Amino acid sequence: MNKIKILIIFVILIVAPQISYAQENETDRVLKISNDEKIILFAGFSIAVIAIFLFLARDIILRRKTTYDKQEHESKKDKTYEKYHSDWGDDYEEIGKRGNSKEEKEFRDQISNNDLPNYYEILGLKIDASPQEIKNNFRELAKKSHPDKTKKDSEKEMIEINKAYEILSDVEARKKYDKYMKSS
């Protein structure tokens, strides 16, 4: 930090006399600047502006905590309340997160290949089935088709039943599945 200050003072001390010398009011003296010199001056000023910007934004760029971040403030203590109880956050979606969950990607791929399974049929349910009905039907089917009970190749069927129960028992996953089921 001190090196930068010393460099800035040095540049000012070197450049200031030259500027003042160039601005003397003599009638026979005309300051002529060529195009190459203008380019060099413009590049120098551009570099200076970029350097100042980088210097001012160094904490953000390097992700350092500032003195404000290190201090304890009342407003920073209850972030979870602000996060889950703010009015504007209800419809908030993070950039790049919209519709990119694992289930939604899987549903989109299955729809594009026309092989989205009907999980309601797999569990023997109607579309408006309650969570208790889903749980009961899953347990019955699991007992009937479990590989340890049947001693035959029922692993594939058990995987389908588990997947159907996993999707339909989770409220959010079920909403997403229903949305894609209606669109297919």
Protein backbone atom coordinates (compact mmCIF):
# COMPACT_ATOMS: atom_id res chain seq x y z
CA MET A 1 0.00 0.00 0.00
CA ASN A 2 2.82 2.40 0.86
CA LYS A 3 4.57 1.55 -2.41
CA ILE A 4 1.53 2.68 -4.37
CA LYS A 5 1.38 5.99 -2.48
CA ILE A 6 5.10 6.58 -3.09
CA LEU A 7 4.67 5.79 -6.79
CA ILE A 8 1.75 8.23 -7.11
CA ILE A 9 3.70 11.01 -5.35
CA PHE A 10 6.72 10.31 -7.57
CA VAL A 11 4.62 10.54 -10.74
CA ILE A 12 3.04 13.80 -9.56
CA LEU A 13 6.45 15.32 -8.79
CA ILE A 14 7.84 14.35 -12.20
CA VAL A 15 4.78 15.29 -14.29
CA ALA A 16 3.74 18.53 -12.51
CA PRO A 17 6.82 20.61 -13.49
CA GLN A 18 6.55 19.46 -17.09
CA ILE A 19 2.88 20.44 -17.27
CA SER A 20 3.54 23.83 -15.68
CA TYR A 21 6.46 24.42 -18.06
CA ALA A 22 4.29 23.53 -21.04
CA GLN A 23 1.59 25.96 -19.96
CA GLU A 24 3.74 29.09 -19.74
CA ASN A 25 2.26 32.05 -21.57
CA GLU A 26 4.82 32.81 -24.19
CA THR A 27 3.60 34.06 -27.52
CA ASP A 28 6.30 32.49 -29.62
CA ARG A 29 5.93 29.12 -27.99
CA VAL A 30 3.19 26.76 -29.22
CA LEU A 31 2.51 23.36 -27.71
CA LYS A 32 2.32 20.85 -30.52
CA ILE A 33 1.22 17.29 -29.80
CA SER A 34 1.50 14.64 -32.49
CA ASN A 35 -1.01 11.84 -32.99
CA ASP A 36 1.40 9.30 -31.49
CA GLU A 37 1.72 11.41 -28.36
CA LYS A 38 -2.07 11.70 -28.13
CA ILE A 39 -2.37 7.92 -28.28
CA ILE A 40 0.25 7.54 -25.57
CA LEU A 41 -1.51 10.11 -23.37
CA PHE A 42 -4.89 8.46 -23.88
CA ALA A 43 -3.44 5.02 -23.09
CA GLY A 44 -1.78 6.42 -19.97
CA PHE A 45 -4.99 7.99 -18.73
CA SER A 46 -6.93 4.80 -19.51
CA ILE A 47 -4.44 2.72 -17.54
CA ALA A 48 -4.66 5.21 -14.66
CA VAL A 49 -8.48 5.03 -14.59
CA ILE A 50 -8.43 1.22 -14.69
CA ALA A 51 -5.82 1.14 -11.92
CA ILE A 52 -7.92 3.46 -9.75
CA PHE A 53 -11.01 1.33 -10.35
CA LEU A 54 -9.15 -1.87 -9.46
CA PHE A 55 -7.68 -0.22 -6.38
CA LEU A 56 -11.11 0.86 -5.16
CA ALA A 57 -12.72 -2.50 -5.92
CA ARG A 58 -9.90 -4.65 -4.55
CA ASP A 59 -11.91 -5.95 -1.57
CA ILE A 60 -14.74 -7.08 -3.81
CA ILE A 61 -12.43 -8.59 -6.41
CA LEU A 62 -10.37 -10.47 -3.84
CA ARG A 63 -13.47 -11.24 -1.75
CA ARG A 64 -11.91 -9.84 1.40
CA LYS A 65 -14.04 -8.94 4.36
CA THR A 66 -14.18 -5.24 5.04
CA THR A 67 -14.27 -3.71 8.50
CA TYR A 68 -18.07 -3.48 8.20
CA ASP A 69 -18.31 -7.21 7.50
CA LYS A 70 -16.19 -8.01 10.54
CA GLN A 71 -18.29 -5.92 12.93
CA GLU A 72 -21.36 -7.20 14.76
CA HIS A 73 -24.54 -5.33 13.81
CA GLU A 74 -28.10 -5.99 14.91
CA SER A 75 -29.30 -6.17 11.31
CA LYS A 76 -26.89 -9.01 10.54
CA LYS A 77 -27.91 -11.23 13.47
CA ASP A 78 -31.27 -12.48 12.21
CA LYS A 79 -30.67 -13.13 8.52
CA THR A 80 -32.87 -16.22 8.45
CA TYR A 81 -35.89 -14.17 9.48
CA GLU A 82 -35.23 -11.68 6.70
CA LYS A 83 -34.64 -14.47 4.21
CA TYR A 84 -37.83 -16.40 4.89
CA HIS A 85 -40.21 -13.60 5.87
CA SER A 86 -39.60 -10.87 3.34
CA ASP A 87 -42.46 -9.89 1.05
CA TRP A 88 -40.46 -9.68 -2.15
CA GLY A 89 -38.68 -13.02 -1.75
CA ASP A 90 -41.70 -15.20 -2.41
CA ASP A 91 -41.33 -15.15 -6.17
CA TYR A 92 -37.57 -14.74 -6.14
CA GLU A 93 -35.51 -17.18 -8.16
CA GLU A 94 -31.76 -17.19 -8.25
CA ILE A 95 -30.22 -16.55 -11.62
CA GLY A 96 -29.47 -19.83 -13.35
CA LYS A 97 -31.49 -21.90 -10.87
CA ARG A 98 -34.89 -21.70 -12.54
CA GLY A 99 -36.02 -25.15 -13.58
CA ASN A 100 -32.60 -26.68 -13.20
CA SER A 101 -33.24 -29.14 -10.40
CA LYS A 102 -32.27 -32.75 -10.89
CA GLU A 103 -35.89 -33.89 -11.12
CA GLU A 104 -36.87 -31.23 -13.63
CA LYS A 105 -33.92 -32.01 -15.87
CA GLU A 106 -34.85 -35.69 -15.69
CA PHE A 107 -38.50 -34.92 -16.49
CA ARG A 108 -37.53 -32.71 -19.45
CA ASP A 109 -35.25 -35.44 -20.84
CA GLN A 110 -37.96 -38.07 -20.45
CA ILE A 111 -40.57 -35.87 -22.14
CA SER A 112 -38.24 -35.18 -25.06
CA ASN A 113 -37.73 -38.95 -25.45
CA ASN A 114 -41.45 -39.64 -24.93
CA ASP A 115 -40.77 -42.01 -22.05
CA LEU A 116 -41.99 -40.11 -18.97
CA PRO A 117 -43.40 -42.87 -16.77
CA ASN A 118 -46.82 -42.49 -15.19
CA TYR A 119 -45.94 -42.85 -11.53
CA TYR A 120 -49.62 -42.82 -10.58
CA GLU A 121 -50.21 -45.95 -12.67
CA ILE A 122 -47.11 -47.64 -11.27
CA LEU A 123 -48.44 -47.21 -7.73
CA GLY A 124 -52.06 -47.86 -8.81
CA LEU A 125 -53.31 -44.41 -7.81
CA LYS A 126 -55.50 -41.63 -9.12
CA ILE A 127 -53.96 -38.21 -9.83
CA ASP A 128 -55.68 -36.64 -6.80
CA ALA A 129 -54.39 -39.28 -4.34
CA SER A 130 -53.61 -38.19 -0.79
CA PRO A 131 -50.18 -38.66 0.79
CA GLN A 132 -51.57 -41.45 2.98
CA GLU A 133 -52.91 -43.32 -0.07
CA ILE A 134 -49.53 -42.98 -1.77
CA LYS A 135 -47.77 -44.37 1.28
CA ASN A 136 -50.21 -47.29 1.69
CA ASN A 137 -50.06 -48.33 -1.97
CA PHE A 138 -46.27 -48.09 -1.99
CA ARG A 139 -46.01 -50.36 1.06
CA GLU A 140 -48.38 -52.95 -0.43
CA LEU A 141 -46.52 -53.03 -3.74
CA ALA A 142 -43.16 -53.13 -1.98
CA LYS A 143 -44.25 -56.17 0.04
CA LYS A 144 -45.52 -57.96 -3.06
CA SER A 145 -42.57 -57.28 -5.34
CA HIS A 146 -39.60 -57.10 -2.98
CA PRO A 147 -36.74 -59.26 -4.33
CA ASP A 148 -36.18 -60.93 -0.95
CA LYS A 149 -39.81 -62.09 -0.78
CA THR A 150 -40.43 -63.11 -4.37
CA LYS A 151 -37.04 -64.70 -5.15
CA LYS A 152 -37.39 -63.80 -8.80
CA ASP A 153 -36.17 -60.95 -10.97
CA SER A 154 -38.24 -58.14 -9.53
CA GLU A 155 -35.45 -55.65 -8.95
CA LYS A 156 -36.40 -53.55 -11.95
CA GLU A 157 -40.03 -53.35 -10.81
CA MET A 158 -38.89 -52.44 -7.28
CA ILE A 159 -36.71 -49.64 -8.65
CA GLU A 160 -39.72 -48.21 -10.54
CA ILE A 161 -41.90 -48.41 -7.43
CA ASN A 162 -39.24 -46.69 -5.30
CA LYS A 163 -38.78 -43.94 -7.87
CA ALA A 164 -42.55 -43.39 -8.12
CA TYR A 165 -42.85 -43.17 -4.34
CA GLU A 166 -39.84 -40.87 -4.11
CA ILE A 167 -41.41 -38.40 -6.55
CA LEU A 168 -45.04 -38.59 -5.39
CA SER A 169 -44.31 -38.47 -1.65
CA ASP A 170 -42.30 -35.25 -1.94
CA VAL A 171 -44.68 -32.30 -2.30
CA GLU A 172 -42.36 -30.13 -4.42
CA ALA A 173 -41.23 -33.00 -6.65
CA ARG A 174 -44.86 -34.05 -7.14
CA LYS A 175 -45.83 -30.51 -8.23
CA LYS A 176 -42.98 -30.48 -10.76
CA TYR A 177 -43.90 -33.98 -11.99
CA ASP A 178 -47.58 -33.02 -12.36
CA LYS A 179 -46.59 -29.93 -14.34
CA TYR A 180 -44.53 -32.02 -16.78
CA MET A 181 -47.13 -34.82 -16.84
CA LYS A 182 -49.83 -32.37 -17.97
CA SER A 183 -47.60 -30.93 -20.69
CA SER A 184 -46.81 -34.33 -22.22
